């Protein structure tokens, strides 16, 4: 990733968390679900990992 800055938004829906993470440098977004018991650090690691995967595949953000 060109920049390590990621914006993470979480929203509780029942007993899951909806997590949206955006890479600031490329405006690429990933969305995933996590258990409400997940730690903030675990969510941040997973978000960074998913963004690296998407960026490595060459996905471009939708307008």
N, C-alpha and C. Protein backbone atom coordinates (compact mmCIF):
# COMPACT_ATOMS: atom_id res chain seq x y z
N UNK A 1 0.84 -1.17 0.00
CA UNK A 1 0.00 0.00 0.00
C UNK A 1 0.88 1.23 0.00
N UNK A 2 0.60 2.20 -0.85
CA UNK A 2 1.40 3.40 -0.88
C UNK A 2 1.33 4.18 0.44
N UNK A 3 0.19 4.21 1.08
CA UNK A 3 0.01 4.91 2.35
C UNK A 3 -0.53 3.92 3.37
N UNK A 4 -0.12 4.10 4.60
CA UNK A 4 -0.62 3.21 5.64
C UNK A 4 -1.87 3.76 6.32
N UNK A 5 -2.37 4.89 5.85
CA UNK A 5 -3.53 5.50 6.49
C UNK A 5 -4.81 4.83 6.02
N UNK A 6 -5.59 4.35 6.98
CA UNK A 6 -6.84 3.66 6.70
C UNK A 6 -7.92 4.27 7.60
N UNK A 7 -9.06 4.54 7.00
CA UNK A 7 -10.21 5.01 7.77
C UNK A 7 -11.10 3.79 8.01
N UNK A 8 -11.45 3.55 9.27
CA UNK A 8 -12.27 2.39 9.63
C UNK A 8 -13.56 2.88 10.30
N UNK A 9 -14.68 2.36 9.81
CA UNK A 9 -15.98 2.68 10.40
C UNK A 9 -16.63 1.37 10.81
N UNK A 10 -17.14 1.31 12.03
CA UNK A 10 -17.84 0.11 12.48
C UNK A 10 -19.27 0.49 12.83
N UNK A 11 -20.16 -0.46 12.57
CA UNK A 11 -21.57 -0.27 12.90
C UNK A 11 -22.09 -1.59 13.45
N UNK A 12 -22.63 -1.54 14.65
CA UNK A 12 -23.18 -2.76 15.25
C UNK A 12 -24.56 -3.05 14.67
N UNK A 13 -24.73 -4.28 14.20
CA UNK A 13 -26.01 -4.74 13.67
C UNK A 13 -26.30 -6.06 14.37
N UNK A 14 -27.15 -6.01 15.38
CA UNK A 14 -27.42 -7.22 16.16
C UNK A 14 -26.17 -7.65 16.89
N UNK A 15 -25.75 -8.90 16.64
CA UNK A 15 -24.56 -9.40 17.33
C UNK A 15 -23.37 -9.52 16.37
N UNK A 16 -23.33 -8.65 15.34
CA UNK A 16 -22.16 -8.57 14.46
C UNK A 16 -21.77 -7.10 14.29
N UNK A 17 -20.56 -6.90 13.83
CA UNK A 17 -20.10 -5.56 13.47
C UNK A 17 -19.95 -5.51 11.95
N UNK A 18 -20.50 -4.49 11.34
CA UNK A 18 -20.26 -4.23 9.92
C UNK A 18 -19.08 -3.27 9.89
N UNK A 19 -18.02 -3.66 9.23
CA UNK A 19 -16.80 -2.87 9.19
C UNK A 19 -16.55 -2.41 7.76
N UNK A 20 -16.37 -1.12 7.59
CA UNK A 20 -15.97 -0.55 6.30
C UNK A 20 -14.61 0.08 6.50
N UNK A 21 -13.67 -0.24 5.62
CA UNK A 21 -12.32 0.30 5.71
C UNK A 21 -11.94 0.91 4.37
N UNK A 22 -11.38 2.11 4.41
CA UNK A 22 -11.02 2.83 3.19
C UNK A 22 -9.54 3.18 3.24
N UNK A 23 -8.82 2.84 2.16
CA UNK A 23 -7.43 3.26 2.00
C UNK A 23 -7.46 4.70 1.53
N UNK A 24 -6.87 5.60 2.30
CA UNK A 24 -6.93 7.03 2.00
C UNK A 24 -6.23 7.36 0.68
N UNK A 25 -5.11 6.73 0.40
CA UNK A 25 -4.32 7.05 -0.79
C UNK A 25 -5.04 6.71 -2.09
N UNK A 26 -5.81 5.62 -2.09
CA UNK A 26 -6.43 5.14 -3.33
C UNK A 26 -7.95 5.21 -3.32
N UNK A 27 -8.54 5.52 -2.19
CA UNK A 27 -10.00 5.55 -2.00
C UNK A 27 -10.64 4.18 -2.24
N UNK A 28 -9.86 3.12 -2.07
CA UNK A 28 -10.37 1.76 -2.19
C UNK A 28 -11.05 1.38 -0.88
N UNK A 29 -12.24 0.77 -0.99
CA UNK A 29 -13.01 0.40 0.19
C UNK A 29 -13.24 -1.10 0.24
N UNK A 30 -13.15 -1.65 1.44
CA UNK A 30 -13.55 -3.04 1.67
C UNK A 30 -14.57 -3.02 2.79
N UNK A 31 -15.50 -3.96 2.73
CA UNK A 31 -16.54 -4.08 3.76
C UNK A 31 -16.59 -5.54 4.19
N UNK A 32 -16.61 -5.76 5.49
CA UNK A 32 -16.69 -7.13 6.00
C UNK A 32 -17.41 -7.14 7.33
N UNK A 33 -17.70 -8.33 7.82
CA UNK A 33 -18.37 -8.49 9.11
C UNK A 33 -17.40 -9.09 10.10
N UNK A 34 -17.56 -8.70 11.35
CA UNK A 34 -16.73 -9.22 12.43
C UNK A 34 -17.64 -9.45 13.64
N UNK A 35 -17.24 -10.37 14.52
CA UNK A 35 -18.04 -10.56 15.73
C UNK A 35 -17.90 -9.35 16.65
N UNK A 36 -18.93 -9.10 17.45
CA UNK A 36 -18.87 -7.96 18.37
C UNK A 36 -17.80 -8.13 19.42
N UNK A 37 -17.32 -9.34 19.61
CA UNK A 37 -16.28 -9.60 20.59
C UNK A 37 -14.87 -9.34 20.05
N UNK A 38 -14.77 -9.03 18.76
CA UNK A 38 -13.45 -8.79 18.16
C UNK A 38 -12.84 -7.51 18.74
N UNK A 39 -11.56 -7.55 18.98
CA UNK A 39 -10.87 -6.37 19.50
C UNK A 39 -10.63 -5.36 18.37
N UNK A 40 -10.43 -4.13 18.74
CA UNK A 40 -10.15 -3.08 17.75
C UNK A 40 -8.88 -3.42 16.97
N UNK A 41 -7.87 -3.93 17.67
CA UNK A 41 -6.61 -4.29 17.02
C UNK A 41 -6.82 -5.39 15.98
N UNK A 42 -7.66 -6.38 16.29
CA UNK A 42 -7.93 -7.46 15.35
C UNK A 42 -8.67 -6.94 14.12
N UNK A 43 -9.61 -6.03 14.34
CA UNK A 43 -10.35 -5.45 13.21
C UNK A 43 -9.41 -4.64 12.33
N UNK A 44 -8.51 -3.87 12.94
CA UNK A 44 -7.56 -3.07 12.17
C UNK A 44 -6.62 -3.95 11.35
N UNK A 45 -6.14 -5.05 11.94
CA UNK A 45 -5.26 -5.99 11.22
C UNK A 45 -5.99 -6.61 10.04
N UNK A 46 -7.23 -7.04 10.26
CA UNK A 46 -8.01 -7.66 9.20
C UNK A 46 -8.32 -6.66 8.09
N UNK A 47 -8.64 -5.43 8.45
CA UNK A 47 -8.93 -4.40 7.46
C UNK A 47 -7.70 -4.12 6.60
N UNK A 48 -6.54 -4.00 7.22
CA UNK A 48 -5.30 -3.76 6.47
C UNK A 48 -4.99 -4.93 5.55
N UNK A 49 -5.20 -6.14 6.05
CA UNK A 49 -4.94 -7.33 5.24
C UNK A 49 -5.88 -7.39 4.03
N UNK A 50 -7.14 -7.13 4.25
CA UNK A 50 -8.11 -7.17 3.14
C UNK A 50 -7.81 -6.07 2.11
N UNK A 51 -7.44 -4.89 2.57
CA UNK A 51 -7.10 -3.82 1.64
C UNK A 51 -5.86 -4.17 0.82
N UNK A 52 -4.84 -4.74 1.46
CA UNK A 52 -3.64 -5.17 0.73
C UNK A 52 -4.01 -6.18 -0.34
N UNK A 53 -4.87 -7.13 -0.01
CA UNK A 53 -5.30 -8.15 -0.96
C UNK A 53 -6.01 -7.53 -2.16
N UNK A 54 -6.96 -6.63 -1.89
CA UNK A 54 -7.73 -5.99 -2.97
C UNK A 54 -6.81 -5.14 -3.84
N UNK A 55 -5.91 -4.38 -3.23
CA UNK A 55 -5.00 -3.54 -4.00
C UNK A 55 -4.02 -4.38 -4.82
N UNK A 56 -3.60 -5.50 -4.29
CA UNK A 56 -2.68 -6.38 -5.02
C UNK A 56 -3.36 -6.99 -6.25
N UNK A 57 -4.68 -7.21 -6.16
CA UNK A 57 -5.41 -7.75 -7.30
C UNK A 57 -5.62 -6.71 -8.38
N UNK A 58 -5.32 -5.47 -8.07
CA UNK A 58 -5.46 -4.42 -9.07
C UNK A 58 -6.87 -3.88 -9.20
N UNK A 59 -7.67 -4.07 -8.19
CA UNK A 59 -9.04 -3.57 -8.22
C UNK A 59 -9.01 -2.04 -8.21
N UNK A 60 -9.89 -1.46 -8.98
CA UNK A 60 -10.00 0.00 -8.99
C UNK A 60 -11.29 0.41 -8.33
N UNK A 61 -11.28 1.55 -7.64
CA UNK A 61 -12.51 1.98 -6.97
C UNK A 61 -13.58 2.36 -7.97
N UNK A 62 -14.82 2.11 -7.60
CA UNK A 62 -15.95 2.46 -8.45
C UNK A 62 -16.29 3.93 -8.23
N UNK A 63 -16.65 4.65 -9.29
CA UNK A 63 -16.98 6.07 -9.13
C UNK A 63 -18.26 6.29 -8.36
